Amino acid sequence: MTVSKTDMLICTTDSVPGRDVLQTFGLVRGATVRAKHIGTDIVAGLRNLVGGEMTGYSSLLAGAREQALDRMKEEAQRMGANAIIGVRMETSAIMNGASEIVAYGTAVRLS
């Protein structure tokens, strides 16, 4: 796998085959909090009656995950890393109708 100076390798594993960790910068994380929209709740309530995917919520959470990953990546780039290993994501409800998405991992410089 080739990674340019502007790319950031992000992986869930603790190592990358064929690459050595030259430097470890430490924990990086990105987080966002998203709240549901009343319109999405109404559509989801109707969808709950007939079944199926609640696409409004799926879209909301997909956007939140991407934003959390982007924020984590930006933090790693500021440290001088070219990769983040051991990446994990967590979601938690912080209040009725709002969730926090957190992405975290270890910023490193790979060979």
PDB file of N, CA and C in Angstrom:
ATOM      1  N   MET A   1       0.844  -1.182   0.000  1.00  0.00           N
ATOM      2  CA  MET A   1       0.000   0.000   0.000  1.00  0.00           C
ATOM      3  C   MET A   1       0.886   1.241   0.000  1.00  0.00           C
ATOM      4  N   THR A   2       0.604   2.171  -0.877  1.00  0.00           N
ATOM      5  CA  THR A   2       1.368   3.409  -0.958  1.00  0.00           C
ATOM      6  C   THR A   2       0.583   4.526  -0.299  1.00  0.00           C
ATOM      7  N   VAL A   3       1.258   5.269   0.547  1.00  0.00           N
ATOM      8  CA  VAL A   3       0.624   6.389   1.230  1.00  0.00           C
ATOM      9  C   VAL A   3       1.447   7.630   0.937  1.00  0.00           C
ATOM     10  N   SER A   4       0.837   8.648   0.325  1.00  0.00           N
ATOM     11  CA  SER A   4       1.556   9.881   0.028  1.00  0.00           C
ATOM     12  C   SER A   4       1.663  10.738   1.284  1.00  0.00           C
ATOM     13  N   LYS A   5       2.383  11.841   1.174  1.00  0.00           N
ATOM     14  CA  LYS A   5       2.572  12.717   2.334  1.00  0.00           C
ATOM     15  C   LYS A   5       1.267  13.323   2.823  1.00  0.00           C
ATOM     16  N   THR A   6       0.280  13.455   1.940  1.00  0.00           N
ATOM     17  CA  THR A   6      -0.979  14.070   2.342  1.00  0.00           C
ATOM     18  C   THR A   6      -2.014  13.033   2.771  1.00  0.00           C
ATOM     19  N   ASP A   7      -1.750  11.749   2.507  1.00  0.00           N
ATOM     20  CA  ASP A   7      -2.684  10.698   2.900  1.00  0.00           C
ATOM     21  C   ASP A   7      -2.387  10.227   4.315  1.00  0.00           C
ATOM     22  N   MET A   8      -3.416   9.722   4.947  1.00  0.00           N
ATOM     23  CA  MET A   8      -3.275   9.190   6.300  1.00  0.00           C
ATOM     24  C   MET A   8      -3.836   7.778   6.274  1.00  0.00           C
ATOM     25  N   LEU A   9      -2.996   6.809   6.577  1.00  0.00           N
ATOM     26  CA  LEU A   9      -3.450   5.423   6.684  1.00  0.00           C
ATOM     27  C   LEU A   9      -4.162   5.272   8.018  1.00  0.00           C
ATOM     28  N   ILE A  10      -5.388   4.788   7.981  1.00  0.00           N
ATOM     29  CA  ILE A  10      -6.174   4.579   9.190  1.00  0.00           C
ATOM     30  C   ILE A  10      -6.589   3.111   9.203  1.00  0.00           C
ATOM     31  N   CYS A  11      -6.187   2.397  10.264  1.00  0.00           N
ATOM     32  CA  CYS A  11      -6.528   0.970  10.323  1.00  0.00           C
ATOM     33  C   CYS A  11      -6.860   0.548  11.749  1.00  0.00           C
ATOM     34  N   THR A  12      -7.611  -0.537  11.839  1.00  0.00           N
ATOM     35  CA  THR A  12      -8.033  -1.037  13.143  1.00  0.00           C
ATOM     36  C   THR A  12      -7.003  -1.971  13.768  1.00  0.00           C
ATOM     37  N   THR A  13      -6.046  -2.416  12.978  1.00  0.00           N
ATOM     38  CA  THR A  13      -5.018  -3.313  13.493  1.00  0.00           C
ATOM     39  C   THR A  13      -3.935  -2.525  14.223  1.00  0.00           C
ATOM     40  N   ASP A  14      -3.150  -3.231  15.040  1.00  0.00           N
ATOM     41  CA  ASP A  14      -2.079  -2.581  15.797  1.00  0.00           C
ATOM     42  C   ASP A  14      -0.764  -2.529  15.033  1.00  0.00           C
ATOM     43  N   SER A  15      -0.732  -3.126  13.864  1.00  0.00           N
ATOM     44  CA  SER A  15       0.459  -3.074  13.017  1.00  0.00           C
ATOM     45  C   SER A  15       0.015  -3.119  11.565  1.00  0.00           C
ATOM     46  N   VAL A  16       0.955  -2.786  10.674  1.00  0.00           N
ATOM     47  CA  VAL A  16       0.673  -2.802   9.245  1.00  0.00           C
ATOM     48  C   VAL A  16       1.713  -3.719   8.606  1.00  0.00           C
ATOM     49  N   PRO A  17       1.286  -4.811   8.001  1.00  0.00           N
ATOM     50  CA  PRO A  17       2.242  -5.732   7.391  1.00  0.00           C
ATOM     51  C   PRO A  17       3.175  -5.021   6.402  1.00  0.00           C
ATOM     52  N   GLY A  18       4.467  -5.286   6.550  1.00  0.00           N
ATOM     53  CA  GLY A  18       5.452  -4.693   5.662  1.00  0.00           C
ATOM     54  C   GLY A  18       5.879  -3.284   6.025  1.00  0.00           C
ATOM     55  N   ARG A  19       5.337  -2.749   7.091  1.00  0.00           N
ATOM     56  CA  ARG A  19       5.680  -1.388   7.531  1.00  0.00           C
ATOM     57  C   ARG A  19       6.109  -1.446   8.984  1.00  0.00           C
ATOM     58  N   ASP A  20       7.103  -0.649   9.340  1.00  0.00           N
ATOM     59  CA  ASP A  20       7.568  -0.558  10.720  1.00  0.00           C
ATOM     60  C   ASP A  20       7.092   0.752  11.337  1.00  0.00           C
ATOM     61  N   VAL A  21       6.768   0.709  12.626  1.00  0.00           N
ATOM     62  CA  VAL A  21       6.440   1.936  13.361  1.00  0.00           C
ATOM     63  C   VAL A  21       7.757   2.596  13.728  1.00  0.00           C
ATOM     64  N   LEU A  22       8.013   3.771  13.143  1.00  0.00           N
ATOM     65  CA  LEU A  22       9.246   4.497  13.407  1.00  0.00           C
ATOM     66  C   LEU A  22       9.124   5.408  14.616  1.00  0.00           C
ATOM     67  N   GLN A  23       7.909   5.918  14.847  1.00  0.00           N
ATOM     68  CA  GLN A  23       7.678   6.838  15.960  1.00  0.00           C
ATOM     69  C   GLN A  23       6.220   6.755  16.378  1.00  0.00           C
ATOM     70  N   THR A  24       5.985   6.783  17.680  1.00  0.00           N
ATOM     71  CA  THR A  24       4.629   6.790  18.220  1.00  0.00           C
ATOM     72  C   THR A  24       4.370   8.155  18.838  1.00  0.00           C
ATOM     73  N   PHE A  25       3.302   8.793  18.401  1.00  0.00           N
ATOM     74  CA  PHE A  25       2.957  10.125  18.907  1.00  0.00           C
ATOM     75  C   PHE A  25       1.956  10.078  20.050  1.00  0.00           C
ATOM     76  N   GLY A  26       1.148   9.023  20.095  1.00  0.00           N
ATOM     77  CA  GLY A  26       0.189   8.876  21.176  1.00  0.00           C
ATOM     78  C   GLY A  26      -1.248   8.896  20.714  1.00  0.00           C
ATOM     79  N   LEU A  27      -2.137   8.973  21.676  1.00  0.00           N
ATOM     80  CA  LEU A  27      -3.574   8.911  21.442  1.00  0.00           C
ATOM     81  C   LEU A  27      -4.059  10.124  20.652  1.00  0.00           C
ATOM     82  N   VAL A  28      -4.887   9.853  19.655  1.00  0.00           N
ATOM     83  CA  VAL A  28      -5.602  10.910  18.933  1.00  0.00           C
ATOM     84  C   VAL A  28      -7.075  10.541  18.934  1.00  0.00           C
ATOM     85  N   ARG A  29      -7.908  11.548  18.926  1.00  0.00           N
ATOM     86  CA  ARG A  29      -9.336  11.282  18.930  1.00  0.00           C
ATOM     87  C   ARG A  29     -10.088  12.397  18.218  1.00  0.00           C
ATOM     88  N   GLY A  30     -11.252  12.052  17.774  1.00  0.00           N
ATOM     89  CA  GLY A  30     -12.159  13.009  17.166  1.00  0.00           C
ATOM     90  C   GLY A  30     -13.552  12.681  17.653  1.00  0.00           C
ATOM     91  N   ALA A  31     -14.335  13.693  17.909  1.00  0.00           N
ATOM     92  CA  ALA A  31     -15.681  13.460  18.441  1.00  0.00           C
ATOM     93  C   ALA A  31     -16.658  14.465  17.864  1.00  0.00           C
ATOM     94  N   THR A  32     -17.905  14.075  17.829  1.00  0.00           N
ATOM     95  CA  THR A  32     -18.978  14.975  17.446  1.00  0.00           C
ATOM     96  C   THR A  32     -20.242  14.542  18.173  1.00  0.00           C
ATOM     97  N   VAL A  33     -21.116  15.482  18.412  1.00  0.00           N
ATOM     98  CA  VAL A  33     -22.413  15.196  19.027  1.00  0.00           C
ATOM     99  C   VAL A  33     -23.476  15.599  18.012  1.00  0.00           C
ATOM    100  N   ARG A  34     -24.387  14.689  17.763  1.00  0.00           N
ATOM    101  CA  ARG A  34     -25.461  14.953  16.807  1.00  0.00           C
ATOM    102  C   ARG A  34     -26.811  14.768  17.478  1.00  0.00           C
ATOM    103  N   ALA A  35     -27.736  15.646  17.136  1.00  0.00           N
ATOM    104  CA  ALA A  35     -29.104  15.559  17.647  1.00  0.00           C
ATOM    105  C   ALA A  35     -30.047  15.223  16.506  1.00  0.00           C
ATOM    106  N   LYS A  36     -31.108  14.504  16.842  1.00  0.00           N
ATOM    107  CA  LYS A  36     -32.113  14.151  15.840  1.00  0.00           C
ATOM    108  C   LYS A  36     -32.938  15.384  15.481  1.00  0.00           C
ATOM    109  N   HIS A  37     -33.443  15.368  14.277  1.00  0.00           N
ATOM    110  CA  HIS A  37     -34.316  16.422  13.769  1.00  0.00           C
ATOM    111  C   HIS A  37     -35.765  15.944  13.922  1.00  0.00           C
ATOM    112  N   ILE A  38     -36.658  16.836  14.275  1.00  0.00           N
ATOM    113  CA  ILE A  38     -38.062  16.461  14.509  1.00  0.00           C
ATOM    114  C   ILE A  38     -38.673  15.801  13.275  1.00  0.00           C
ATOM    115  N   GLY A  39     -38.311  16.269  12.086  1.00  0.00           N
ATOM    116  CA  GLY A  39     -38.815  15.660  10.849  1.00  0.00           C
ATOM    117  C   GLY A  39     -38.348  14.227  10.713  1.00  0.00           C
ATOM    118  N   THR A  40     -37.093  13.978  11.077  1.00  0.00           N
ATOM    119  CA  THR A  40     -36.554  12.620  11.023  1.00  0.00           C
ATOM    120  C   THR A  40     -37.301  11.734  12.010  1.00  0.00           C
ATOM    121  N   ASP A  41     -37.633  12.261  13.171  1.00  0.00           N
ATOM    122  CA  ASP A  41     -38.377  11.489  14.174  1.00  0.00           C
ATOM    123  C   ASP A  41     -39.761  11.084  13.657  1.00  0.00           C
ATOM    124  N   ILE A  42     -40.411  11.980  12.967  1.00  0.00           N
ATOM    125  CA  ILE A  42     -41.754  11.685  12.452  1.00  0.00           C
ATOM    126  C   ILE A  42     -41.679  10.566  11.409  1.00  0.00           C
ATOM    127  N   VAL A  43     -40.737  10.694  10.466  1.00  0.00           N
ATOM    128  CA  VAL A  43     -40.576   9.664   9.435  1.00  0.00           C
ATOM    129  C   VAL A  43     -40.165   8.338  10.069  1.00  0.00           C
ATOM    130  N   ALA A  44     -39.269   8.391  11.058  1.00  0.00           N
ATOM    131  CA  ALA A  44     -38.825   7.170  11.732  1.00  0.00           C
ATOM    132  C   ALA A  44     -39.982   6.511  12.485  1.00  0.00           C
ATOM    133  N   GLY A  45     -40.845   7.300  13.069  1.00  0.00           N
ATOM    134  CA  GLY A  45     -42.010   6.755  13.767  1.00  0.00           C
ATOM    135  C   GLY A  45     -42.926   6.010  12.809  1.00  0.00           C
ATOM    136  N   LEU A  46     -43.118   6.561  11.626  1.00  0.00           N
ATOM    137  CA  LEU A  46     -43.931   5.881  10.616  1.00  0.00           C
ATOM    138  C   LEU A  46     -43.241   4.615  10.125  1.00  0.00           C
ATOM    139  N   ARG A  47     -41.926   4.695   9.919  1.00  0.00           N
ATOM    140  CA  ARG A  47     -41.148   3.540   9.463  1.00  0.00           C
ATOM    141  C   ARG A  47     -41.202   2.430  10.515  1.00  0.00           C
ATOM    142  N   ASN A  48     -41.246   2.806  11.775  1.00  0.00           N
ATOM    143  CA  ASN A  48     -41.313   1.835  12.861  1.00  0.00           C
ATOM    144  C   ASN A  48     -42.601   1.008  12.790  1.00  0.00           C
ATOM    145  N   LEU A  49     -43.655   1.588  12.257  1.00  0.00           N
ATOM    146  CA  LEU A  49     -44.927   0.883  12.124  1.00  0.00           C
ATOM    147  C   LEU A  49     -44.878  -0.189  11.041  1.00  0.00           C
ATOM    148  N   VAL A  50     -44.169   0.086   9.942  1.00  0.00           N
ATOM    149  CA  VAL A  50     -44.167  -0.840   8.802  1.00  0.00           C
ATOM    150  C   VAL A  50     -42.867  -1.615   8.669  1.00  0.00           C
ATOM    151  N   GLY A  51     -41.844  -1.216   9.401  1.00  0.00           N
ATOM    152  CA  GLY A  51     -40.551  -1.909   9.341  1.00  0.00           C
ATOM    153  C   GLY A  51     -39.650  -1.339   8.259  1.00  0.00           C
ATOM    154  N   GLY A  52     -38.408  -1.738   8.300  1.00  0.00           N
ATOM    155  CA  GLY A  52     -37.438  -1.297   7.310  1.00  0.00           C
ATOM    156  C   GLY A  52     -36.389  -0.383   7.918  1.00  0.00           C
ATOM    157  N   GLU A  53     -35.421  -0.034   7.084  1.00  0.00           N
ATOM    158  CA  GLU A  53     -34.311   0.823   7.536  1.00  0.00           C
ATOM    159  C   GLU A  53     -34.789   2.249   7.754  1.00  0.00           C
ATOM    160  N   MET A  54     -34.311   2.845   8.819  1.00  0.00           N
ATOM    161  CA  MET A  54     -34.597   4.243   9.103  1.00  0.00           C
ATOM    162  C   MET A  54     -33.472   5.064   8.484  1.00  0.00           C
ATOM    163  N   THR A  55     -33.617   5.372   7.199  1.00  0.00           N
ATOM    164  CA  THR A  55     -32.533   5.984   6.422  1.00  0.00           C
ATOM    165  C   THR A  55     -32.134   7.359   6.950  1.00  0.00           C
ATOM    166  N   GLY A  56     -33.064   8.072   7.536  1.00  0.00           N
ATOM    167  CA  GLY A  56     -32.723   9.388   8.098  1.00  0.00           C
ATOM    168  C   GLY A  56     -31.702   9.258   9.212  1.00  0.00           C
ATOM    169  N   TYR A  57     -31.908   8.268  10.096  1.00  0.00           N
ATOM    170  CA  TYR A  57     -30.965   8.040  11.189  1.00  0.00           C
ATOM    171  C   TYR A  57     -29.652   7.464  10.661  1.00  0.00           C
ATOM    172  N   SER A  58     -29.747   6.567   9.675  1.00  0.00           N
ATOM    173  CA  SER A  58     -28.534   5.983   9.091  1.00  0.00           C
ATOM    174  C   SER A  58     -27.650   7.073   8.502  1.00  0.00           C
ATOM    175  N   SER A  59     -28.255   7.983   7.778  1.00  0.00           N
ATOM    176  CA  SER A  59     -27.521   9.085   7.157  1.00  0.00           C
ATOM    177  C   SER A  59     -26.910  10.007   8.214  1.00  0.00           C
ATOM    178  N   LEU A  60     -27.675  10.299   9.249  1.00  0.00           N
ATOM    179  CA  LEU A  60     -27.201  11.158  10.332  1.00  0.00           C
ATOM    180  C   LEU A  60     -25.969  10.552  11.003  1.00  0.00           C
ATOM    181  N   LEU A  61     -26.036   9.265  11.325  1.00  0.00           N
ATOM    182  CA  LEU A  61     -24.917   8.605  11.999  1.00  0.00           C
ATOM    183  C   LEU A  61     -23.721   8.415  11.074  1.00  0.00           C
ATOM    184  N   ALA A  62     -23.960   8.154   9.794  1.00  0.00           N
ATOM    185  CA  ALA A  62     -22.849   8.017   8.839  1.00  0.00           C
ATOM    186  C   ALA A  62     -22.070   9.330   8.742  1.00  0.00           C
ATOM    187  N   GLY A  63     -22.782  10.440   8.675  1.00  0.00           N
ATOM    188  CA  GLY A  63     -22.125  11.746   8.639  1.00  0.00           C
ATOM    189  C   GLY A  63     -21.349  12.035   9.911  1.00  0.00           C
ATOM    190  N   ALA A  64     -21.911  11.643  11.043  1.00  0.00           N
ATOM    191  CA  ALA A  64     -21.244  11.854  12.329  1.00  0.00           C
ATOM    192  C   ALA A  64     -19.970  11.026  12.419  1.00  0.00           C
ATOM    193  N   ARG A  65     -20.012   9.774  11.945  1.00  0.00           N
ATOM    194  CA  ARG A  65     -18.811   8.932  11.962  1.00  0.00           C
ATOM    195  C   ARG A  65     -17.708   9.539  11.101  1.00  0.00           C
ATOM    196  N   GLU A  66     -18.058  10.018   9.918  1.00  0.00           N
ATOM    197  CA  GLU A  66     -17.060  10.635   9.029  1.00  0.00           C
ATOM    198  C   GLU A  66     -16.448  11.878   9.664  1.00  0.00           C
ATOM    199  N   GLN A  67     -17.274  12.689  10.313  1.00  0.00           N
ATOM    200  CA  GLN A  67     -16.760  13.892  10.961  1.00  0.00           C
ATOM    201  C   GLN A  67     -15.822  13.535  12.105  1.00  0.00           C
ATOM    202  N   ALA A  68     -16.157  12.531  12.904  1.00  0.00           N
ATOM    203  CA  ALA A  68     -15.285  12.098  14.002  1.00  0.00           C
ATOM    204  C   ALA A  68     -13.950  11.585  13.449  1.00  0.00           C
ATOM    205  N   LEU A  69     -13.997  10.792  12.373  1.00  0.00           N
ATOM    206  CA  LEU A  69     -12.763  10.296  11.751  1.00  0.00           C
ATOM    207  C   LEU A  69     -11.916  11.444  11.201  1.00  0.00           C
ATOM    208  N   ASP A  70     -12.562  12.407  10.552  1.00  0.00           N
ATOM    209  CA  ASP A  70     -11.837  13.569  10.010  1.00  0.00           C
ATOM    210  C   ASP A  70     -11.143  14.360  11.116  1.00  0.00           C
ATOM    211  N   ARG A  71     -11.820  14.554  12.235  1.00  0.00           N
ATOM    212  CA  ARG A  71     -11.228  15.296  13.355  1.00  0.00           C
ATOM    213  C   ARG A  71     -10.053  14.540  13.964  1.00  0.00           C
ATOM    214  N   MET A  72     -10.172  13.215  14.059  1.00  0.00           N
ATOM    215  CA  MET A  72      -9.076  12.394  14.564  1.00  0.00           C
ATOM    216  C   MET A  72      -7.879  12.493  13.617  1.00  0.00           C
ATOM    217  N   LYS A  73      -8.141  12.415  12.326  1.00  0.00           N
ATOM    218  CA  LYS A  73      -7.088  12.499  11.309  1.00  0.00           C
ATOM    219  C   LYS A  73      -6.379  13.849  11.371  1.00  0.00           C
ATOM    220  N   GLU A  74      -7.123  14.929  11.510  1.00  0.00           N
ATOM    221  CA  GLU A  74      -6.530  16.265  11.608  1.00  0.00           C
ATOM    222  C   GLU A  74      -5.604  16.380  12.812  1.00  0.00           C
ATOM    223  N   GLU A  75      -6.005  15.812  13.936  1.00  0.00           N
ATOM    224  CA  GLU A  75      -5.158  15.845  15.129  1.00  0.00           C
ATOM    225  C   GLU A  75      -3.859  15.085  14.885  1.00  0.00           C
ATOM    226  N   ALA A  76      -3.951  13.925  14.244  1.00  0.00           N
ATOM    227  CA  ALA A  76      -2.755  13.124  13.948  1.00  0.00           C
ATOM    228  C   ALA A  76      -1.827  13.861  12.979  1.00  0.00           C
ATOM    229  N   GLN A  77      -2.392  14.529  11.984  1.00  0.00           N
ATOM    230  CA  GLN A  77      -1.574  15.288  11.028  1.00  0.00           C
ATOM    231  C   GLN A  77      -0.832  16.425  11.723  1.00  0.00           C
ATOM    232  N   ARG A  78      -1.490  17.098  12.668  1.00  0.00           N
ATOM    233  CA  ARG A  78      -0.828  18.182  13.414  1.00  0.00           C
ATOM    234  C   ARG A  78       0.360  17.658  14.217  1.00  0.00           C
ATOM    235  N   MET A  79       0.291  16.402  14.641  1.00  0.00           N
ATOM    236  CA  MET A  79       1.388  15.788  15.403  1.00  0.00           C
ATOM    237  C   MET A  79       2.542  15.345  14.502  1.00  0.00           C
ATOM    238  N   GLY A  80       2.281  15.237  13.203  1.00  0.00           N
ATOM    239  CA  GLY A  80       3.302  14.772  12.272  1.00  0.00           C
ATOM    240  C   GLY A  80       3.185  13.304  11.910  1.00  0.00           C
ATOM    241  N   ALA A  81       2.079  12.670  12.251  1.00  0.00           N
ATOM    242  CA  ALA A  81       1.876  11.245  11.960  1.00  0.00           C
ATOM    243  C   ALA A  81       1.486  11.044  10.504  1.00  0.00           C
ATOM    244  N   ASN A  82       1.766   9.851   9.997  1.00  0.00           N
ATOM    245  CA  ASN A  82       1.287   9.492   8.663  1.00  0.00           C
ATOM    246  C   ASN A  82       0.335   8.296   8.716  1.00  0.00           C
ATOM    247  N   ALA A  83       0.020   7.837   9.931  1.00  0.00           N
ATOM    248  CA  ALA A  83      -0.916   6.727  10.098  1.00  0.00           C
ATOM    249  C   ALA A  83      -1.525   6.759  11.494  1.00  0.00           C
ATOM    250  N   ILE A  84      -2.678   6.119  11.598  1.00  0.00           N
ATOM    251  CA  ILE A  84      -3.323   5.916  12.896  1.00  0.00           C
ATOM    252  C   ILE A  84      -3.653   4.434  12.972  1.00  0.00           C
ATOM    253  N   ILE A  85      -3.139   3.787  13.998  1.00  0.00           N
ATOM    254  CA  ILE A  85      -3.365   2.348  14.158  1.00  0.00           C
ATOM    255  C   ILE A  85      -4.254   2.095  15.376  1.00  0.00           C
ATOM    256  N   GLY A  86      -4.826   0.906  15.419  1.00  0.00           N
ATOM    257  CA  GLY A  86      -5.679   0.539  16.554  1.00  0.00           C
ATOM    258  C   GLY A  86      -6.928   1.393  16.657  1.00  0.00           C
ATOM    259  N   VAL A  87      -7.488   1.797  15.532  1.00  0.00           N
ATOM    260  CA  VAL A  87      -8.629   2.721  15.538  1.00  0.00           C
ATOM    261  C   VAL A  87      -9.891   2.012  16.025  1.00  0.00           C
ATOM    262  N   ARG A  88     -10.618   2.706  16.863  1.00  0.00           N
ATOM    263  CA  ARG A  88     -11.895   2.234  17.389  1.00  0.00           C
ATOM    264  C   ARG A  88     -12.902   3.378  17.314  1.00  0.00           C
ATOM    265  N   MET A  89     -14.183   3.012  17.306  1.00  0.00           N
ATOM    266  CA  MET A  89     -15.255   4.011  17.327  1.00  0.00           C
ATOM    267  C   MET A  89     -16.268   3.608  18.389  1.00  0.00           C
ATOM    268  N   GLU A  90     -16.808   4.601  19.057  1.00  0.00           N
ATOM    269  CA  GLU A  90     -17.843   4.364  20.062  1.00  0.00           C
ATOM    270  C   GLU A  90     -18.973   5.366  19.862  1.00  0.00           C
ATOM    271  N   THR A  91     -20.150   4.916  20.179  1.00  0.00           N
ATOM    272  CA  THR A  91     -21.332   5.771  20.132  1.00  0.00           C
ATOM    273  C   THR A  91     -22.017   5.681  21.482  1.00  0.00           C
ATOM    274  N   SER A  92     -22.425   6.827  21.997  1.00  0.00           N
ATOM    275  CA  SER A  92     -23.164   6.816  23.259  1.00  0.00           C
ATOM    276  C   SER A  92     -24.247   7.882  23.233  1.00  0.00           C
ATOM    277  N   ALA A  93     -25.355   7.571  23.866  1.00  0.00           N
ATOM    278  CA  ALA A  93     -26.436   8.543  24.000  1.00  0.00           C
ATOM    279  C   ALA A  93     -26.087   9.462  25.165  1.00  0.00           C
ATOM    280  N   ILE A  94     -26.088  10.759  24.908  1.00  0.00           N
ATOM    281  CA  ILE A  94     -25.757  11.688  25.989  1.00  0.00           C
ATOM    282  C   ILE A  94     -26.996  12.363  26.564  1.00  0.00           C
ATOM    283  N   MET A  95     -28.086  12.297  25.803  1.00  0.00           N
ATOM    284  CA  MET A  95     -29.388  12.752  26.272  1.00  0.00           C
ATOM    285  C   MET A  95     -30.422  12.220  25.299  1.00  0.00           C
ATOM    286  N   ASN A  96     -31.676  12.321  25.641  1.00  0.00           N
ATOM    287  CA  ASN A  96     -32.712  11.837  24.752  1.00  0.00           C
ATOM    288  C   ASN A  96     -32.643  12.583  23.421  1.00  0.00           C
ATOM    289  N   GLY A  97     -32.368  11.849  22.359  1.00  0.00           N
ATOM    290  CA  GLY A  97     -32.328  12.460  21.036  1.00  0.00           C
ATOM    291  C   GLY A  97     -30.971  12.942  20.589  1.00  0.00           C
ATOM    292  N   ALA A  98     -29.917  12.746  21.374  1.00  0.00           N
ATOM    293  CA  ALA A  98     -28.577  13.192  20.974  1.00  0.00           C
ATOM    294  C   ALA A  98     -27.556  12.104  21.281  1.00  0.00           C
ATOM    295  N   SER A  99     -26.646  11.907  20.349  1.00  0.00           N
ATOM    296  CA  SER A  99     -25.603  10.897  20.508  1.00  0.00           C
ATOM    297  C   SER A  99     -24.236  11.502  20.254  1.00  0.00           C
ATOM    298  N   GLU A 100     -23.248  10.947  20.942  1.00  0.00           N
ATOM    299  CA  GLU A 100     -21.858  11.330  20.717  1.00  0.00           C
ATOM    300  C   GLU A 100     -21.178  10.183  19.979  1.00  0.00           C
ATOM    301  N   ILE A 101     -20.420  10.521  18.947  1.00  0.00           N
ATOM    302  CA  ILE A 101     -19.615   9.554  18.207  1.00  0.00           C
ATOM    303  C   ILE A 101     -18.162   9.923  18.473  1.00  0.00           C
ATOM    304  N   VAL A 102     -17.355   8.954  18.912  1.00  0.00           N
ATOM    305  CA  VAL A 102     -15.931   9.178  19.199  1.00  0.00           C
ATOM    306  C   VAL A 102     -15.118   8.181  18.386  1.00  0.00           C
ATOM    307  N   ALA A 103     -14.110   8.680  17.689  1.00  0.00           N
ATOM    308  CA  ALA A 103     -13.132   7.835  16.996  1.00  0.00           C
ATOM    309  C   ALA A 103     -11.798   8.070  17.683  1.00  0.00           C
ATOM    310  N   TYR A 104     -11.048   6.989  17.952  1.00  0.00           N
ATOM    311  CA  TYR A 104      -9.756   7.169  18.599  1.00  0.00           C
ATOM    312  C   TYR A 104      -8.789   6.068  18.163  1.00  0.00           C
ATOM    313  N   GLY A 105      -7.506   6.379  18.270  1.00  0.00           N
ATOM    314  CA  GLY A 105      -6.471   5.437  17.895  1.00  0.00           C
ATOM    315  C   GLY A 105      -5.111   5.988  18.288  1.00  0.00           C
ATOM    316  N   THR A 106      -4.054   5.340  17.815  1.00  0.00           N
ATOM    317  CA  THR A 106      -2.685   5.752  18.130  1.00  0.00           C
ATOM    318  C   THR A 106      -2.045   6.343  16.880  1.00  0.00           C
ATOM    319  N   ALA A 107      -1.615   7.596  16.978  1.00  0.00           N
ATOM    320  CA  ALA A 107      -0.939   8.260  15.866  1.00  0.00           C
ATOM    321  C   ALA A 107       0.508   7.798  15.818  1.00  0.00           C
ATOM    322  N   VAL A 108       0.944   7.383  14.618  1.00  0.00           N
ATOM    323  CA  VAL A 108       2.310   6.877  14.448  1.00  0.00           C
ATOM    324  C   VAL A 108       2.895   7.387  13.133  1.00  0.00           C
ATOM    325  N   ARG A 109       4.203   7.236  13.017  1.00  0.00           N
ATOM    326  CA  ARG A 109       4.886   7.449  11.734  1.00  0.00           C
ATOM    327  C   ARG A 109       5.371   6.073  11.310  1.00  0.00           C
ATOM    328  N   LEU A 110       4.918   5.656  10.123  1.00  0.00           N
ATOM    329  CA  LEU A 110       5.305   4.360   9.562  1.00  0.00           C
ATOM    330  C   LEU A 110       6.422   4.544   8.544  1.00  0.00           C
ATOM    331  N   SER A 111       7.214   3.480   8.360  1.00  0.00           N
ATOM    332  CA  SER A 111       8.264   3.508   7.339  1.00  0.00           C
ATOM    333  C   SER A 111       7.636   3.478   5.961  1.00  0.00           C
TER     334      SER A 111
END
